[in-house]
Amino acid sequence: SGFMSNALFWASSIKAEGVVRTATGDGRIPFIHPQDIADVAIEAL
């Protein structure tokens, strides 16, 4: 699913204004940690 590291794109607005701007409404997504992706990829390999 979406990478947790995608949230780094919010860094500039968080630092400057303390805000995250989004067009996702109240919808939810189970972001996954890159380490988990890599560990599963290792098992698949």
All heavy atoms as atom14 arrays in JSON, in Angstrom:
{
  "sequence": "SGFMSNALFWASSIKAEGVVRTATGDGRIPFIHPQDIADVAIEAL",
  "atom14_mask": [
    [1, 1, 1, 1, 1, 1, 0, 0, 0, 0, 0, 0, 0, 0],
    [1, 1, 1, 1, 0, 0, 0, 0, 0, 0, 0, 0, 0, 0],
    [1, 1, 1, 1, 1, 1, 1, 1, 1, 1, 1, 0, 0, 0],
    [1, 1, 1, 1, 1, 1, 1, 1, 0, 0, 0, 0, 0, 0],
    [1, 1, 1, 1, 1, 1, 0, 0, 0, 0, 0, 0, 0, 0],
    [1, 1, 1, 1, 1, 1, 1, 1, 0, 0, 0, 0, 0, 0],
    [1, 1, 1, 1, 1, 0, 0, 0, 0, 0, 0, 0, 0, 0],
    [1, 1, 1, 1, 1, 1, 1, 1, 0, 0, 0, 0, 0, 0],
    [1, 1, 1, 1, 1, 1, 1, 1, 1, 1, 1, 0, 0, 0],
    [1, 1, 1, 1, 1, 1, 1, 1, 1, 1, 1, 1, 1, 1],
    [1, 1, 1, 1, 1, 0, 0, 0, 0, 0, 0, 0, 0, 0],
    [1, 1, 1, 1, 1, 1, 0, 0, 0, 0, 0, 0, 0, 0],
    [1, 1, 1, 1, 1, 1, 0, 0, 0, 0, 0, 0, 0, 0],
    [1, 1, 1, 1, 1, 1, 1, 1, 0, 0, 0, 0, 0, 0],
    [1, 1, 1, 1, 1, 1, 1, 1, 1, 0, 0, 0, 0, 0],
    [1, 1, 1, 1, 1, 0, 0, 0, 0, 0, 0, 0, 0, 0],
    [1, 1, 1, 1, 1, 1, 1, 1, 1, 0, 0, 0, 0, 0],
    [1, 1, 1, 1, 0, 0, 0, 0, 0, 0, 0, 0, 0, 0],
    [1, 1, 1, 1, 1, 1, 1, 0, 0, 0, 0, 0, 0, 0],
    [1, 1, 1, 1, 1, 1, 1, 0, 0, 0, 0, 0, 0, 0],
    [1, 1, 1, 1, 1, 1, 1, 1, 1, 1, 1, 0, 0, 0],
    [1, 1, 1, 1, 1, 1, 1, 0, 0, 0, 0, 0, 0, 0],
    [1, 1, 1, 1, 1, 0, 0, 0, 0, 0, 0, 0, 0, 0],
    [1, 1, 1, 1, 1, 1, 1, 0, 0, 0, 0, 0, 0, 0],
    [1, 1, 1, 1, 0, 0, 0, 0, 0, 0, 0, 0, 0, 0],
    [1, 1, 1, 1, 1, 1, 1, 1, 0, 0, 0, 0, 0, 0],
    [1, 1, 1, 1, 0, 0, 0, 0, 0, 0, 0, 0, 0, 0],
    [1, 1, 1, 1, 1, 1, 1, 1, 1, 1, 1, 0, 0, 0],
    [1, 1, 1, 1, 1, 1, 1, 1, 0, 0, 0, 0, 0, 0],
    [1, 1, 1, 1, 1, 1, 1, 0, 0, 0, 0, 0, 0, 0],
    [1, 1, 1, 1, 1, 1, 1, 1, 1, 1, 1, 0, 0, 0],
    [1, 1, 1, 1, 1, 1, 1, 1, 0, 0, 0, 0, 0, 0],
    [1, 1, 1, 1, 1, 1, 1, 1, 1, 1, 0, 0, 0, 0],
    [1, 1, 1, 1, 1, 1, 1, 0, 0, 0, 0, 0, 0, 0],
    [1, 1, 1, 1, 1, 1, 1, 1, 1, 0, 0, 0, 0, 0],
    [1, 1, 1, 1, 1, 1, 1, 1, 0, 0, 0, 0, 0, 0],
    [1, 1, 1, 1, 1, 1, 1, 1, 0, 0, 0, 0, 0, 0],
    [1, 1, 1, 1, 1, 0, 0, 0, 0, 0, 0, 0, 0, 0],
    [1, 1, 1, 1, 1, 1, 1, 1, 0, 0, 0, 0, 0, 0],
    [1, 1, 1, 1, 1, 1, 1, 0, 0, 0, 0, 0, 0, 0],
    [1, 1, 1, 1, 1, 0, 0, 0, 0, 0, 0, 0, 0, 0],
    [1, 1, 1, 1, 1, 1, 1, 1, 0, 0, 0, 0, 0, 0],
    [1, 1, 1, 1, 1, 1, 1, 1, 1, 0, 0, 0, 0, 0],
    [1, 1, 1, 1, 1, 0, 0, 0, 0, 0, 0, 0, 0, 0],
    [1, 1, 1, 1, 1, 1, 1, 1, 0, 0, 0, 0, 0, 0]
  ],
  "atom14_positions": [
    [[0.86, -1.18, 0.0], [0.0, 0.0, 0.0], [0.9, 1.23, 0.0], [2.11, 1.13, -0.18], [-0.91, -0.01, 1.23], [-0.14, -0.06, 2.42], [0.0, 0.0, 0.0], [0.0, 0.0, 0.0], [0.0, 0.0, 0.0], [0.0, 0.0, 0.0], [0.0, 0.0, 0.0], [0.0, 0.0, 0.0], [0.0, 0.0, 0.0], [0.0, 0.0, 0.0]],
    [[0.34, 2.41, 0.21], [1.15, 3.63, 0.21], [2.27, 3.56, 1.25], [2.09, 3.0, 2.34], [0.0, 0.0, 0.0], [0.0, 0.0, 0.0], [0.0, 0.0, 0.0], [0.0, 0.0, 0.0], [0.0, 0.0, 0.0], [0.0, 0.0, 0.0], [0.0, 0.0, 0.0], [0.0, 0.0, 0.0], [0.0, 0.0, 0.0], [0.0, 0.0, 0.0]],
    [[3.41, 4.11, 0.91], [4.57, 4.1, 1.81], [4.39, 5.15, 2.9], [4.0, 6.28, 2.63], [5.85, 4.43, 1.05], [6.27, 3.44, 0.0], [5.43, 2.42, -0.42], [7.52, 3.54, -0.59], [5.82, 1.52, -1.39], [7.93, 2.64, -1.56], [7.08, 1.63, -1.97], [0.0, 0.0, 0.0], [0.0, 0.0, 0.0], [0.0, 0.0, 0.0]],
    [[4.74, 4.78, 4.14], [4.75, 5.78, 5.21], [5.69, 6.93, 4.87], [5.43, 8.08, 5.22], [5.15, 5.13, 6.53], [4.11, 4.18, 7.09], [4.63, 3.45, 8.67], [3.24, 2.34, 8.98], [0.0, 0.0, 0.0], [0.0, 0.0, 0.0], [0.0, 0.0, 0.0], [0.0, 0.0, 0.0], [0.0, 0.0, 0.0], [0.0, 0.0, 0.0]],
    [[6.75, 6.64, 4.17], [7.72, 7.68, 3.81], [7.13, 8.72, 2.86], [7.71, 9.81, 2.7], [8.98, 7.05, 3.2], [8.64, 6.15, 2.17], [0.0, 0.0, 0.0], [0.0, 0.0, 0.0], [0.0, 0.0, 0.0], [0.0, 0.0, 0.0], [0.0, 0.0, 0.0], [0.0, 0.0, 0.0], [0.0, 0.0, 0.0], [0.0, 0.0, 0.0]],
    [[5.98, 8.43, 2.24], [5.31, 9.46, 1.43], [4.94, 10.67, 2.27], [4.81, 11.79, 1.76], [4.04, 8.89, 0.79], [4.32, 7.89, -0.31], [5.46, 7.75, -0.75], [3.3, 7.19, -0.74], [0.0, 0.0, 0.0], [0.0, 0.0, 0.0], [0.0, 0.0, 0.0], [0.0, 0.0, 0.0], [0.0, 0.0, 0.0], [0.0, 0.0, 0.0]],
    [[4.77, 10.47, 3.57], [4.41, 11.57, 4.47], [5.52, 12.61, 4.58], [5.29, 13.72, 5.05], [4.05, 11.04, 5.85], [0.0, 0.0, 0.0], [0.0, 0.0, 0.0], [0.0, 0.0, 0.0], [0.0, 0.0, 0.0], [0.0, 0.0, 0.0], [0.0, 0.0, 0.0], [0.0, 0.0, 0.0], [0.0, 0.0, 0.0], [0.0, 0.0, 0.0]],
    [[6.72, 12.26, 4.14], [7.81, 13.24, 4.16], [7.51, 14.42, 3.23], [8.08, 15.5, 3.41], [9.13, 12.57, 3.76], [9.69, 11.56, 4.77], [10.88, 10.81, 4.18], [10.1, 12.25, 6.07], [0.0, 0.0, 0.0], [0.0, 0.0, 0.0], [0.0, 0.0, 0.0], [0.0, 0.0, 0.0], [0.0, 0.0, 0.0], [0.0, 0.0, 0.0]],
    [[6.62, 14.23, 2.26], [6.23, 15.33, 1.38], [5.48, 16.42, 2.14], [5.33, 17.53, 1.64], [5.39, 14.82, 0.22], [6.15, 14.02, -0.8], [6.01, 12.65, -0.89], [7.04, 14.64, -1.67], [6.73, 11.91, -1.83], [7.76, 13.93, -2.6], [7.61, 12.55, -2.69], [0.0, 0.0, 0.0], [0.0, 0.0, 0.0], [0.0, 0.0, 0.0]],
    [[5.0, 16.11, 3.34], [4.3, 17.1, 4.13], [5.25, 17.94, 4.97], [4.81, 18.88, 5.64], [3.31, 16.41, 5.08], [2.39, 15.43, 4.44], [2.02, 15.38, 3.13], [1.71, 14.35, 5.09], [1.16, 14.32, 2.91], [0.95, 13.68, 4.09], [1.66, 13.88, 6.4], [0.16, 12.56, 4.39], [0.87, 12.78, 6.69], [0.13, 12.13, 5.7]],
    [[6.54, 17.62, 4.95], [7.48, 18.23, 5.89], [7.53, 19.76, 5.77], [7.53, 20.46, 6.79], [8.88, 17.65, 5.7], [0.0, 0.0, 0.0], [0.0, 0.0, 0.0], [0.0, 0.0, 0.0], [0.0, 0.0, 0.0], [0.0, 0.0, 0.0], [0.0, 0.0, 0.0], [0.0, 0.0, 0.0], [0.0, 0.0, 0.0], [0.0, 0.0, 0.0]],
    [[7.55, 20.27, 4.55], [7.72, 21.73, 4.4], [6.52, 22.48, 4.96], [6.68, 23.49, 5.66], [7.94, 22.09, 2.92], [6.84, 21.66, 2.13], [0.0, 0.0, 0.0], [0.0, 0.0, 0.0], [0.0, 0.0, 0.0], [0.0, 0.0, 0.0], [0.0, 0.0, 0.0], [0.0, 0.0, 0.0], [0.0, 0.0, 0.0], [0.0, 0.0, 0.0]],
    [[5.29, 22.01, 4.69], [4.12, 22.72, 5.2], [3.96, 22.53, 6.7], [3.46, 23.42, 7.4], [2.85, 22.26, 4.47], [2.56, 20.9, 4.73], [0.0, 0.0, 0.0], [0.0, 0.0, 0.0], [0.0, 0.0, 0.0], [0.0, 0.0, 0.0], [0.0, 0.0, 0.0], [0.0, 0.0, 0.0], [0.0, 0.0, 0.0], [0.0, 0.0, 0.0]],
    [[4.39, 21.4, 7.21], [4.34, 21.18, 8.66], [5.32, 22.11, 9.36], [4.99, 22.76, 10.36], [4.62, 19.71, 9.01], [3.41, 18.84, 8.65], [4.96, 19.55, 10.49], [3.63, 17.35, 8.86], [0.0, 0.0, 0.0], [0.0, 0.0, 0.0], [0.0, 0.0, 0.0], [0.0, 0.0, 0.0], [0.0, 0.0, 0.0], [0.0, 0.0, 0.0]],
    [[6.53, 22.2, 8.84], [7.53, 23.07, 9.47], [7.16, 24.54, 9.37], [7.35, 25.31, 10.31], [8.91, 22.81, 8.83], [9.54, 21.49, 9.25], [10.98, 21.37, 8.8], [11.12, 21.15, 7.33], [12.53, 20.82, 6.93], [0.0, 0.0, 0.0], [0.0, 0.0, 0.0], [0.0, 0.0, 0.0], [0.0, 0.0, 0.0], [0.0, 0.0, 0.0]],
    [[6.62, 24.94, 8.22], [6.34, 26.35, 7.99], [5.03, 26.8, 8.61], [4.93, 27.93, 9.12], [6.33, 26.64, 6.48], [0.0, 0.0, 0.0], [0.0, 0.0, 0.0], [0.0, 0.0, 0.0], [0.0, 0.0, 0.0], [0.0, 0.0, 0.0], [0.0, 0.0, 0.0], [0.0, 0.0, 0.0], [0.0, 0.0, 0.0], [0.0, 0.0, 0.0]],
    [[4.0, 25.92, 8.56], [2.66, 26.36, 8.93], [1.95, 25.45, 9.93], [0.86, 25.77, 10.39], [1.79, 26.47, 7.68], [2.34, 27.36, 6.59], [1.54, 27.23, 5.31], [0.42, 27.77, 5.28], [2.01, 26.55, 4.37], [0.0, 0.0, 0.0], [0.0, 0.0, 0.0], [0.0, 0.0, 0.0], [0.0, 0.0, 0.0], [0.0, 0.0, 0.0]],
    [[2.53, 24.28, 10.21], [1.85, 23.34, 11.08], [0.59, 22.77, 10.47], [-0.4, 22.55, 11.16], [0.0, 0.0, 0.0], [0.0, 0.0, 0.0], [0.0, 0.0, 0.0], [0.0, 0.0, 0.0], [0.0, 0.0, 0.0], [0.0, 0.0, 0.0], [0.0, 0.0, 0.0], [0.0, 0.0, 0.0], [0.0, 0.0, 0.0], [0.0, 0.0, 0.0]],
    [[0.62, 22.5, 9.14], [-0.58, 22.06, 8.45], [-0.24, 20.99, 7.42], [0.85, 20.99, 6.83], [-1.29, 23.26, 7.76], [-0.42, 23.84, 6.65], [-2.65, 22.84, 7.22], [0.0, 0.0, 0.0], [0.0, 0.0, 0.0], [0.0, 0.0, 0.0], [0.0, 0.0, 0.0], [0.0, 0.0, 0.0], [0.0, 0.0, 0.0], [0.0, 0.0, 0.0]],
    [[-1.18, 20.06, 7.21], [-1.12, 19.1, 6.12], [-2.34, 19.33, 5.25], [-3.48, 19.32, 5.75], [-1.14, 17.64, 6.65], [-1.37, 16.65, 5.51], [0.17, 17.32, 7.36], [0.0, 0.0, 0.0], [0.0, 0.0, 0.0], [0.0, 0.0, 0.0], [0.0, 0.0, 0.0], [0.0, 0.0, 0.0], [0.0, 0.0, 0.0], [0.0, 0.0, 0.0]],
    [[-2.12, 19.59, 3.97], [-3.22, 19.85, 3.04], [-3.46, 18.61, 2.19], [-2.52, 18.03, 1.64], [-2.9, 21.05, 2.16], [-2.77, 22.35, 2.95], [-2.51, 23.54, 2.06], [-2.5, 24.77, 2.84], [-1.4, 25.27, 3.42], [-0.23, 24.63, 3.28], [-1.47, 26.39, 4.13], [0.0, 0.0, 0.0], [0.0, 0.0, 0.0], [0.0, 0.0, 0.0]],
    [[-4.73, 18.22, 2.09], [-5.03, 16.96, 1.41], [-6.39, 17.0, 0.74], [-7.3, 17.7, 1.19], [-5.0, 15.8, 2.42], [-5.46, 14.6, 1.79], [-5.88, 16.09, 3.62], [0.0, 0.0, 0.0], [0.0, 0.0, 0.0], [0.0, 0.0, 0.0], [0.0, 0.0, 0.0], [0.0, 0.0, 0.0], [0.0, 0.0, 0.0], [0.0, 0.0, 0.0]],
    [[-6.5, 16.22, -0.35], [-7.78, 16.08, -1.04], [-8.4, 14.71, -0.78], [-9.23, 14.23, -1.55], [-7.57, 16.27, -2.54], [0.0, 0.0, 0.0], [0.0, 0.0, 0.0], [0.0, 0.0, 0.0], [0.0, 0.0, 0.0], [0.0, 0.0, 0.0], [0.0, 0.0, 0.0], [0.0, 0.0, 0.0], [0.0, 0.0, 0.0], [0.0, 0.0, 0.0]],
    [[-7.98, 14.06, 0.32], [-8.45, 12.71, 0.62], [-9.63, 12.68, 1.58], [-10.13, 11.61, 1.92], [-7.31, 11.87, 1.22], [-6.78, 12.56, 2.37], [-6.2, 11.67, 0.21], [0.0, 0.0, 0.0], [0.0, 0.0, 0.0], [0.0, 0.0, 0.0], [0.0, 0.0, 0.0], [0.0, 0.0, 0.0], [0.0, 0.0, 0.0], [0.0, 0.0, 0.0]],
    [[-10.09, 13.84, 2.04], [-11.23, 13.89, 2.95], [-10.99, 13.09, 4.21], [-9.9, 13.13, 4.79], [0.0, 0.0, 0.0], [0.0, 0.0, 0.0], [0.0, 0.0, 0.0], [0.0, 0.0, 0.0], [0.0, 0.0, 0.0], [0.0, 0.0, 0.0], [0.0, 0.0, 0.0], [0.0, 0.0, 0.0], [0.0, 0.0, 0.0], [0.0, 0.0, 0.0]],
    [[-12.02, 12.33, 4.63], [-11.9, 11.49, 5.81], [-11.51, 10.06, 5.46], [-11.53, 9.17, 6.32], [-13.22, 11.48, 6.59], [-13.58, 12.84, 7.16], [-12.65, 13.58, 7.55], [-14.78, 13.18, 7.19], [0.0, 0.0, 0.0], [0.0, 0.0, 0.0], [0.0, 0.0, 0.0], [0.0, 0.0, 0.0], [0.0, 0.0, 0.0], [0.0, 0.0, 0.0]],
    [[-11.17, 9.83, 4.19], [-10.8, 8.48, 3.76], [-9.53, 8.0, 4.43], [-8.68, 8.79, 4.83], [0.0, 0.0, 0.0], [0.0, 0.0, 0.0], [0.0, 0.0, 0.0], [0.0, 0.0, 0.0], [0.0, 0.0, 0.0], [0.0, 0.0, 0.0], [0.0, 0.0, 0.0], [0.0, 0.0, 0.0], [0.0, 0.0, 0.0], [0.0, 0.0, 0.0]],
    [[-9.41, 6.7, 4.53], [-8.27, 6.1, 5.23], [-7.47, 5.18, 4.32], [-8.0, 4.62, 3.36], [-8.76, 5.32, 6.45], [-9.54, 6.18, 7.44], [-9.89, 5.39, 8.69], [-10.63, 6.22, 9.64], [-10.79, 5.92, 10.92], [-10.24, 4.81, 11.41], [-11.47, 6.72, 11.72], [0.0, 0.0, 0.0], [0.0, 0.0, 0.0], [0.0, 0.0, 0.0]],
    [[-6.19, 5.03, 4.67], [-5.31, 4.13, 3.94], [-4.3, 3.54, 4.93], [-3.81, 4.27, 5.81], [-4.59, 4.85, 2.78], [-3.73, 3.87, 1.97], [-3.76, 6.03, 3.28], [-3.19, 4.46, 0.67], [0.0, 0.0, 0.0], [0.0, 0.0, 0.0], [0.0, 0.0, 0.0], [0.0, 0.0, 0.0], [0.0, 0.0, 0.0], [0.0, 0.0, 0.0]],
    [[-3.98, 2.26, 4.82], [-3.02, 1.64, 5.74], [-1.58, 1.75, 5.22], [-1.01, 0.77, 4.71], [-3.49, 0.18, 5.82], [-4.09, -0.07, 4.47], [-4.67, 1.24, 4.0], [0.0, 0.0, 0.0], [0.0, 0.0, 0.0], [0.0, 0.0, 0.0], [0.0, 0.0, 0.0], [0.0, 0.0, 0.0], [0.0, 0.0, 0.0], [0.0, 0.0, 0.0]],
    [[-1.0, 2.93, 5.33], [0.39, 3.12, 4.91], [1.29, 2.05, 5.55], [1.05, 1.63, 6.69], [0.88, 4.5, 5.32], [0.56, 5.61, 4.35], [0.94, 6.92, 4.63], [-0.1, 5.36, 3.17], [0.67, 7.95, 3.74], [-0.38, 6.38, 2.27], [0.0, 7.69, 2.57], [0.0, 0.0, 0.0], [0.0, 0.0, 0.0], [0.0, 0.0, 0.0]],
    [[2.33, 1.65, 4.83], [3.25, 0.61, 5.29], [4.66, 1.15, 5.4], [5.1, 2.0, 4.61], [3.2, -0.61, 4.34], [4.07, -1.76, 4.87], [3.59, -0.24, 2.92], [3.87, -3.07, 4.12], [0.0, 0.0, 0.0], [0.0, 0.0, 0.0], [0.0, 0.0, 0.0], [0.0, 0.0, 0.0], [0.0, 0.0, 0.0], [0.0, 0.0, 0.0]],
    [[5.39, 0.67, 6.41], [6.76, 1.1, 6.66], [7.69, 0.52, 5.58], [7.58, -0.67, 5.25], [7.2, 0.61, 8.03], [8.39, 1.33, 8.59], [9.64, 1.27, 8.01], [8.53, 2.11, 9.7], [10.49, 1.99, 8.73], [9.85, 2.51, 9.76], [0.0, 0.0, 0.0], [0.0, 0.0, 0.0], [0.0, 0.0, 0.0], [0.0, 0.0, 0.0]],
    [[8.62, 1.3, 5.03], [9.55, 0.78, 4.03], [10.33, -0.45, 4.51], [10.65, -1.34, 3.7], [10.49, 1.96, 3.77], [9.64, 3.16, 4.02], [8.76, 2.78, 5.18], [0.0, 0.0, 0.0], [0.0, 0.0, 0.0], [0.0, 0.0, 0.0], [0.0, 0.0, 0.0], [0.0, 0.0, 0.0], [0.0, 0.0, 0.0], [0.0, 0.0, 0.0]],
    [[10.63, -0.53, 5.8], [11.35, -1.69, 6.3], [10.54, -2.97, 6.13], [11.09, -4.04, 5.83], [11.72, -1.49, 7.77], [12.78, -0.44, 8.01], [13.17, -0.34, 9.47], [12.98, -1.26, 10.25], [13.7, 0.81, 9.85], [0.0, 0.0, 0.0], [0.0, 0.0, 0.0], [0.0, 0.0, 0.0], [0.0, 0.0, 0.0], [0.0, 0.0, 0.0]],
    [[9.22, -2.87, 6.32], [8.37, -4.05, 6.13], [8.34, -4.47, 4.67], [8.34, -5.66, 4.35], [6.95, -3.75, 6.62], [6.84, -3.72, 8.14], [7.71, -4.31, 8.81], [5.9, -3.09, 8.65], [0.0, 0.0, 0.0], [0.0, 0.0, 0.0], [0.0, 0.0, 0.0], [0.0, 0.0, 0.0], [0.0, 0.0, 0.0], [0.0, 0.0, 0.0]],
    [[8.31, -3.49, 3.78], [8.33, -3.81, 2.34], [9.62, -4.55, 2.0], [9.61, -5.58, 1.31], [8.2, -2.54, 1.49], [6.91, -1.8, 1.82], [8.25, -2.89, 0.0], [6.81, -0.42, 1.17], [0.0, 0.0, 0.0], [0.0, 0.0, 0.0], [0.0, 0.0, 0.0], [0.0, 0.0, 0.0], [0.0, 0.0, 0.0], [0.0, 0.0, 0.0]],
    [[10.75, -4.03, 2.48], [12.05, -4.65, 2.19], [12.13, -6.05, 2.76], [12.65, -6.98, 2.12], [13.17, -3.78, 2.73], [0.0, 0.0, 0.0], [0.0, 0.0, 0.0], [0.0, 0.0, 0.0], [0.0, 0.0, 0.0], [0.0, 0.0, 0.0], [0.0, 0.0, 0.0], [0.0, 0.0, 0.0], [0.0, 0.0, 0.0], [0.0, 0.0, 0.0]],
    [[11.63, -6.24, 3.98], [11.71, -7.57, 4.6], [10.86, -8.58, 3.85], [11.27, -9.74, 3.67], [11.25, -7.48, 6.06], [12.28, -6.81, 6.96], [13.45, -6.7, 6.55], [11.9, -6.38, 8.07], [0.0, 0.0, 0.0], [0.0, 0.0, 0.0], [0.0, 0.0, 0.0], [0.0, 0.0, 0.0], [0.0, 0.0, 0.0], [0.0, 0.0, 0.0]],
    [[9.69, -8.17, 3.38], [8.85, -9.07, 2.58], [9.52, -9.35, 1.23], [9.5, -10.49, 0.73], [7.44, -8.49, 2.38], [6.64, -9.32, 1.38], [6.71, -8.44, 3.72], [0.0, 0.0, 0.0], [0.0, 0.0, 0.0], [0.0, 0.0, 0.0], [0.0, 0.0, 0.0], [0.0, 0.0, 0.0], [0.0, 0.0, 0.0], [0.0, 0.0, 0.0]],
    [[10.12, -8.34, 0.63], [10.83, -8.54, -0.64], [11.96, -9.54, -0.5], [12.19, -10.37, -1.4], [11.36, -7.21, -1.16], [0.0, 0.0, 0.0], [0.0, 0.0, 0.0], [0.0, 0.0, 0.0], [0.0, 0.0, 0.0], [0.0, 0.0, 0.0], [0.0, 0.0, 0.0], [0.0, 0.0, 0.0], [0.0, 0.0, 0.0], [0.0, 0.0, 0.0]],
    [[12.67, -9.49, 0.62], [13.74, -10.47, 0.88], [13.16, -11.88, 0.9], [13.73, -12.82, 0.32], [14.46, -10.15, 2.21], [15.37, -8.93, 2.04], [15.27, -11.36, 2.68], [16.6, -9.18, 1.2], [0.0, 0.0, 0.0], [0.0, 0.0, 0.0], [0.0, 0.0, 0.0], [0.0, 0.0, 0.0], [0.0, 0.0, 0.0], [0.0, 0.0, 0.0]],
    [[12.05, -12.06, 1.6], [11.42, -13.39, 1.65], [11.01, -13.84, 0.25], [11.19, -15.02, -0.11], [10.2, -13.36, 2.57], [10.54, -13.17, 4.04], [11.38, -14.31, 4.58], [11.08, -15.48, 4.27], [12.35, -14.03, 5.33], [0.0, 0.0, 0.0], [0.0, 0.0, 0.0], [0.0, 0.0, 0.0], [0.0, 0.0, 0.0], [0.0, 0.0, 0.0]],
    [[10.48, -12.93, -0.54], [10.07, -13.28, -1.9], [11.26, -13.65, -2.77], [11.15, -14.53, -3.64], [9.3, -12.12, -2.53], [0.0, 0.0, 0.0], [0.0, 0.0, 0.0], [0.0, 0.0, 0.0], [0.0, 0.0, 0.0], [0.0, 0.0, 0.0], [0.0, 0.0, 0.0], [0.0, 0.0, 0.0], [0.0, 0.0, 0.0], [0.0, 0.0, 0.0]],
    [[12.39, -13.0, -2.54], [13.6, -13.28, -3.31], [14.25, -14.61, -2.93], [14.77, -15.34, -3.78], [14.63, -12.17, -3.11], [14.56, -10.93, -3.99], [15.53, -9.87, -3.47], [14.88, -11.26, -5.45], [0.0, 0.0, 0.0], [0.0, 0.0, 0.0], [0.0, 0.0, 0.0], [0.0, 0.0, 0.0], [0.0, 0.0, 0.0], [0.0, 0.0, 0.0]]
  ]
}
